[in-house]
Amino acid sequence: MALGDPTPIGDAQVSADRLHYLKNKPSIPEALTTDPQMLRVYVHEEYPKAMHHVSGETRLVRSESERREARDQGYADTPEDAKAAQKRLNDAVALAAAERAYDDRNLGDKAKAELEAAEDSVEHHVLDPKIRRGAGGKIHVIEA
């Protein structure tokens, strides 16, 4: 008997291929094969989408405008992107602080006092103060 030839089983004739299928078929619940919702073809939808913050917080966005707003608040498409963005920000702040420290070494006592007063007037670090040279080459802080 060759593969595919009908095999007598009781009163019915069944091919060997069909017997192999019946013996090895996956066990899928009938509801999954008869429910029209379960038979739909997958179609990728861009939204809703999860956005990730370096703090570990996740936010669900439902449109492109919400996505832009989340990105402006420090969220990224993947946790790895969020960590990379935070590293870039930290590196930029460190570079600005190093440049500021390098520039401050040439300031006189009065300019240092003005800069310290300017820093005390704001809630954040002053990394790039606006300065001007006065008469005699003296440095004055005009904006922090």
C-alpha atoms as a PDB file:
ATOM      1  CA  MET A   1       0.000   0.000   0.000  1.00  0.00           C
ATOM      2  CA  ALA A   2       1.496   3.384  -1.028  1.00  0.00           C
ATOM      3  CA  LEU A   3       1.279   6.645   0.879  1.00  0.00           C
ATOM      4  CA  GLY A   4      -2.016   8.322   0.095  1.00  0.00           C
ATOM      5  CA  ASP A   5      -3.824   5.115  -0.841  1.00  0.00           C
ATOM      6  CA  PRO A   6      -7.221   4.707   0.804  1.00  0.00           C
ATOM      7  CA  THR A   7      -7.147   2.567   3.948  1.00  0.00           C
ATOM      8  CA  PRO A   8     -10.199   0.553   4.874  1.00  0.00           C
ATOM      9  CA  ILE A   9     -11.576   1.491   8.318  1.00  0.00           C
ATOM     10  CA  GLY A  10     -14.873  -0.125   9.012  1.00  0.00           C
ATOM     11  CA  ASP A  11     -17.243   0.893   6.219  1.00  0.00           C
ATOM     12  CA  ALA A  12     -15.283   4.083   5.313  1.00  0.00           C
ATOM     13  CA  GLN A  13     -12.273   4.517   3.082  1.00  0.00           C
ATOM     14  CA  VAL A  14      -9.779   7.111   4.549  1.00  0.00           C
ATOM     15  CA  SER A  15      -6.453   8.091   2.992  1.00  0.00           C
ATOM     16  CA  ALA A  16      -3.233   7.680   4.980  1.00  0.00           C
ATOM     17  CA  ASP A  17      -2.616  11.449   4.712  1.00  0.00           C
ATOM     18  CA  ARG A  18      -5.989  12.153   6.306  1.00  0.00           C
ATOM     19  CA  LEU A  19      -5.286   9.652   9.090  1.00  0.00           C
ATOM     20  CA  HIS A  20      -1.921  11.337   9.744  1.00  0.00           C
ATOM     21  CA  TYR A  21      -3.659  14.727   9.946  1.00  0.00           C
ATOM     22  CA  LEU A  22      -6.365  13.446  12.274  1.00  0.00           C
ATOM     23  CA  LYS A  23      -3.788  11.867  14.566  1.00  0.00           C
ATOM     24  CA  ASN A  24      -1.497  14.942  14.694  1.00  0.00           C
ATOM     25  CA  LYS A  25      -3.884  17.872  14.264  1.00  0.00           C
ATOM     26  CA  PRO A  26      -3.510  20.744  16.736  1.00  0.00           C
ATOM     27  CA  SER A  27      -6.055  20.899  19.490  1.00  0.00           C
ATOM     28  CA  ILE A  28      -7.750  24.242  18.810  1.00  0.00           C
ATOM     29  CA  PRO A  29     -11.011  24.915  20.622  1.00  0.00           C
ATOM     30  CA  GLU A  30     -13.944  24.996  18.236  1.00  0.00           C
ATOM     31  CA  ALA A  31     -14.879  28.522  19.389  1.00  0.00           C
ATOM     32  CA  LEU A  32     -11.610  29.828  17.934  1.00  0.00           C
ATOM     33  CA  THR A  33     -12.287  28.395  14.494  1.00  0.00           C
ATOM     34  CA  THR A  34     -15.954  29.389  14.247  1.00  0.00           C
ATOM     35  CA  ASP A  35     -15.900  32.870  15.864  1.00  0.00           C
ATOM     36  CA  PRO A  36     -15.582  35.525  13.080  1.00  0.00           C
ATOM     37  CA  GLN A  37     -13.725  37.866  15.476  1.00  0.00           C
ATOM     38  CA  MET A  38     -10.995  35.255  15.925  1.00  0.00           C
ATOM     39  CA  LEU A  39     -10.569  34.730  12.190  1.00  0.00           C
ATOM     40  CA  ARG A  40      -9.807  38.392  11.376  1.00  0.00           C
ATOM     41  CA  VAL A  41      -6.536  39.162   9.632  1.00  0.00           C
ATOM     42  CA  TYR A  42      -4.082  41.171  11.766  1.00  0.00           C
ATOM     43  CA  VAL A  43      -3.739  44.794  10.701  1.00  0.00           C
ATOM     44  CA  HIS A  44      -1.081  46.938  12.404  1.00  0.00           C
ATOM     45  CA  GLU A  45      -2.446  50.052  14.087  1.00  0.00           C
ATOM     46  CA  GLU A  46      -0.021  52.799  15.144  1.00  0.00           C
ATOM     47  CA  TYR A  47      -2.124  53.876  18.130  1.00  0.00           C
ATOM     48  CA  PRO A  48      -2.626  53.335  21.032  1.00  0.00           C
ATOM     49  CA  LYS A  49       1.077  53.161  21.800  1.00  0.00           C
ATOM     50  CA  ALA A  50       3.127  52.949  24.998  1.00  0.00           C
ATOM     51  CA  MET A  51       5.705  55.670  25.647  1.00  0.00           C
ATOM     52  CA  HIS A  52       8.495  55.198  28.203  1.00  0.00           C
ATOM     53  CA  HIS A  53      10.184  57.623  30.615  1.00  0.00           C
ATOM     54  CA  VAL A  54      13.644  57.219  32.114  1.00  0.00           C
ATOM     55  CA  SER A  55      12.009  57.056  35.568  1.00  0.00           C
ATOM     56  CA  GLY A  56      10.333  53.806  34.491  1.00  0.00           C
ATOM     57  CA  GLU A  57       6.907  55.387  34.082  1.00  0.00           C
ATOM     58  CA  THR A  58       4.878  54.296  31.044  1.00  0.00           C
ATOM     59  CA  ARG A  59       2.243  56.420  29.342  1.00  0.00           C
ATOM     60  CA  LEU A  60      -0.342  55.351  26.772  1.00  0.00           C
ATOM     61  CA  VAL A  61      -0.827  57.740  23.838  1.00  0.00           C
ATOM     62  CA  ARG A  62      -3.719  57.552  21.397  1.00  0.00           C
ATOM     63  CA  SER A  63      -2.682  59.993  18.646  1.00  0.00           C
ATOM     64  CA  GLU A  64       0.291  61.674  17.022  1.00  0.00           C
ATOM     65  CA  SER A  65      -0.356  64.903  18.930  1.00  0.00           C
ATOM     66  CA  GLU A  66      -0.330  63.026  22.266  1.00  0.00           C
ATOM     67  CA  ARG A  67       2.894  61.322  21.163  1.00  0.00           C
ATOM     68  CA  ARG A  68       4.556  64.687  20.412  1.00  0.00           C
ATOM     69  CA  GLU A  69       3.400  66.020  23.785  1.00  0.00           C
ATOM     70  CA  ALA A  70       4.807  62.946  25.567  1.00  0.00           C
ATOM     71  CA  ARG A  71       8.133  63.298  23.722  1.00  0.00           C
ATOM     72  CA  ASP A  72       8.310  66.950  24.827  1.00  0.00           C
ATOM     73  CA  GLN A  73       7.897  65.728  28.419  1.00  0.00           C
ATOM     74  CA  GLY A  74      10.834  63.311  28.145  1.00  0.00           C
ATOM     75  CA  TYR A  75       9.070  60.130  27.020  1.00  0.00           C
ATOM     76  CA  ALA A  76      10.534  57.896  24.293  1.00  0.00           C
ATOM     77  CA  ASP A  77       9.302  55.041  22.111  1.00  0.00           C
ATOM     78  CA  THR A  78      11.354  52.413  23.956  1.00  0.00           C
ATOM     79  CA  PRO A  79      12.917  52.218  27.435  1.00  0.00           C
ATOM     80  CA  GLU A  80      16.358  52.096  25.805  1.00  0.00           C
ATOM     81  CA  ASP A  81      15.653  55.330  23.883  1.00  0.00           C
ATOM     82  CA  ALA A  82      14.559  57.016  27.130  1.00  0.00           C
ATOM     83  CA  LYS A  83      17.800  56.003  28.867  1.00  0.00           C
ATOM     84  CA  ALA A  84      19.882  57.153  25.886  1.00  0.00           C
ATOM     85  CA  ALA A  85      18.118  60.545  25.846  1.00  0.00           C
ATOM     86  CA  GLN A  86      18.750  60.987  29.572  1.00  0.00           C
ATOM     87  CA  LYS A  87      22.427  60.125  29.066  1.00  0.00           C
ATOM     88  CA  ARG A  88      22.716  62.702  26.269  1.00  0.00           C
ATOM     89  CA  LEU A  89      21.106  65.334  28.515  1.00  0.00           C
ATOM     90  CA  ASN A  90      23.415  64.491  31.433  1.00  0.00           C
ATOM     91  CA  ASP A  91      26.461  64.675  29.130  1.00  0.00           C
ATOM     92  CA  ALA A  92      25.368  68.083  27.798  1.00  0.00           C
ATOM     93  CA  VAL A  93      24.857  69.465  31.322  1.00  0.00           C
ATOM     94  CA  ALA A  94      28.235  68.086  32.428  1.00  0.00           C
ATOM     95  CA  LEU A  95      29.959  69.696  29.433  1.00  0.00           C
ATOM     96  CA  ALA A  96      28.248  73.045  30.073  1.00  0.00           C
ATOM     97  CA  ALA A  97      29.228  72.891  33.763  1.00  0.00           C
ATOM     98  CA  ALA A  98      32.842  72.105  32.860  1.00  0.00           C
ATOM     99  CA  GLU A  99      32.940  75.011  30.395  1.00  0.00           C
ATOM    100  CA  ARG A 100      31.417  77.296  33.029  1.00  0.00           C
ATOM    101  CA  ALA A 101      34.009  76.226  35.616  1.00  0.00           C
ATOM    102  CA  TYR A 102      36.780  76.858  33.083  1.00  0.00           C
ATOM    103  CA  ASP A 103      35.422  80.338  32.322  1.00  0.00           C
ATOM    104  CA  ASP A 104      34.940  81.192  36.032  1.00  0.00           C
ATOM    105  CA  ARG A 105      38.642  80.784  36.808  1.00  0.00           C
ATOM    106  CA  ASN A 106      39.331  84.209  35.241  1.00  0.00           C
ATOM    107  CA  LEU A 107      36.597  86.092  37.127  1.00  0.00           C
ATOM    108  CA  GLY A 108      37.468  88.660  39.753  1.00  0.00           C
ATOM    109  CA  ASP A 109      36.002  88.703  43.250  1.00  0.00           C
ATOM    110  CA  LYS A 110      33.301  91.250  42.369  1.00  0.00           C
ATOM    111  CA  ALA A 111      32.226  89.309  39.246  1.00  0.00           C
ATOM    112  CA  LYS A 112      32.120  86.078  41.252  1.00  0.00           C
ATOM    113  CA  ALA A 113      29.914  87.778  43.841  1.00  0.00           C
ATOM    114  CA  GLU A 114      27.583  89.086  41.076  1.00  0.00           C
ATOM    115  CA  LEU A 115      27.402  85.618  39.544  1.00  0.00           C
ATOM    116  CA  GLU A 116      26.623  84.036  42.907  1.00  0.00           C
ATOM    117  CA  ALA A 117      23.850  86.597  43.485  1.00  0.00           C
ATOM    118  CA  ALA A 118      22.459  85.872  40.021  1.00  0.00           C
ATOM    119  CA  GLU A 119      22.452  82.120  40.758  1.00  0.00           C
ATOM    120  CA  ASP A 120      20.649  82.689  44.052  1.00  0.00           C
ATOM    121  CA  SER A 121      17.894  84.591  42.232  1.00  0.00           C
ATOM    122  CA  VAL A 122      16.877  81.609  40.094  1.00  0.00           C
ATOM    123  CA  GLU A 123      15.868  78.017  40.913  1.00  0.00           C
ATOM    124  CA  HIS A 124      18.183  76.323  38.425  1.00  0.00           C
ATOM    125  CA  HIS A 125      21.911  76.244  37.763  1.00  0.00           C
ATOM    126  CA  VAL A 126      23.261  79.070  35.648  1.00  0.00           C
ATOM    127  CA  LEU A 127      25.412  77.283  33.090  1.00  0.00           C
ATOM    128  CA  ASP A 128      25.725  80.093  30.560  1.00  0.00           C
ATOM    129  CA  PRO A 129      25.523  83.514  32.240  1.00  0.00           C
ATOM    130  CA  LYS A 130      25.297  86.650  30.117  1.00  0.00           C
ATOM    131  CA  ILE A 131      28.193  88.905  31.015  1.00  0.00           C
ATOM    132  CA  ARG A 132      29.647  92.172  29.742  1.00  0.00           C
ATOM    133  CA  ARG A 133      32.928  93.898  30.214  1.00  0.00           C
ATOM    134  CA  GLY A 134      32.768  97.244  31.923  1.00  0.00           C
ATOM    135  CA  ALA A 135      35.246 100.078  32.027  1.00  0.00           C
ATOM    136  CA  GLY A 136      38.747  98.869  32.660  1.00  0.00           C
ATOM    137  CA  GLY A 137      37.886  95.345  31.415  1.00  0.00           C
ATOM    138  CA  LYS A 138      35.885  94.423  34.528  1.00  0.00           C
ATOM    139  CA  ILE A 139      33.319  91.637  34.017  1.00  0.00           C
ATOM    140  CA  HIS A 140      29.681  92.249  35.052  1.00  0.00           C
ATOM    141  CA  VAL A 141      26.883  89.670  35.098  1.00  0.00           C
ATOM    142  CA  ILE A 142      23.849  91.143  33.335  1.00  0.00           C
ATOM    143  CA  GLU A 143      21.600  88.086  33.034  1.00  0.00           C
ATOM    144  CA  ALA A 144      21.556  84.631  34.533  1.00  0.00           C
END
